[in-house]
Amino acid sequence: MPPATSRAERALELHRVSKYFGDVAALRNVSLRFVPGESVLVYGPNGAGKTTLLRTLAGLARPSEGEVRFEGRNLIENSAAPKKALGFASHSSFLYGELSPRENLRFSGRLFGLRDLDRAVSSALDLFDLGARADEPVRTLSRGLVQRTSLARAFLHDPTFLLLDEPFTGLDATSVKNLELLLAGLVRQGKALILSNHNFEQGAALAHRLVELDGGRLKYDGRLEGAPRVSEGGPSLPESSLGKAEG
């Protein structure tokens, strides 16, 4: 794990951020700070602002008010360094359907300026067991394979901050287990894992810190074991659905 001074310098922060969609406030005056070496579960009901929070941290949504900072500088105005430090994956893949997984990763790798592009792409495909389907158009793949391709793209450039919005969506049981093992090892590598997950127990097993949102407002930020819902025995949630089996 990197020393504290290094971790502090690489902080990813929201400073009094609000995000509006018309008259609807998806985020309301939210301030948060994340550093390498920590794992964070972003939790809340539907419409709480989880996806908007992660997209804003990734630089994909511009705040209506406030500022996103990376290494103390405005992320939107200084996007080159953050692009290489941030990896984002969502339940919406944002992949090009006519391109294969390999072609999608090569395209992303060129945007990141990866030097050994072929090796990086091959490693990412192997990491998510995509080799057998790597050259088929994404539009022909199952939901689970599309999700694995999206995750491969997030990991492609070896980012320090992994921002994952419902990463288990559509995965079969084997892929879920493999992803859980992969994510559990990130903190030991000195990386930051920031994920949203509708299944509290599954997310809590991977995280040490809880960020809870409600109506776009920050309801709780602290250690998981200190959270009211944890001390009261955890939330009462339905069994997690792992989605359709992959083809």
Foldseek 3Di string as FASTA:
>chain_A
DDDPVVFVLFKKWWALFWADDVPAILAGGDIDIDTFLFEEEEEEDPSLNLVVVLCVSLVNGPTPDTAIDGSRHGCVVVVLVSNLQFFEFALPQPFDQQFFLLVRLLVLCVVNVDDPSVVLSVVLCVLQVNVVRRGPGNNPWFSQSSLSSSVSSRPSSPHQEYEYEQSLAAEDPVSLVSVLVVLLCRSVVRGYHYYYHHDVVSSLVRGQWYFYGGSNYTDDTGGPCPDPCVVVPHDDDDDDDSHDYTD
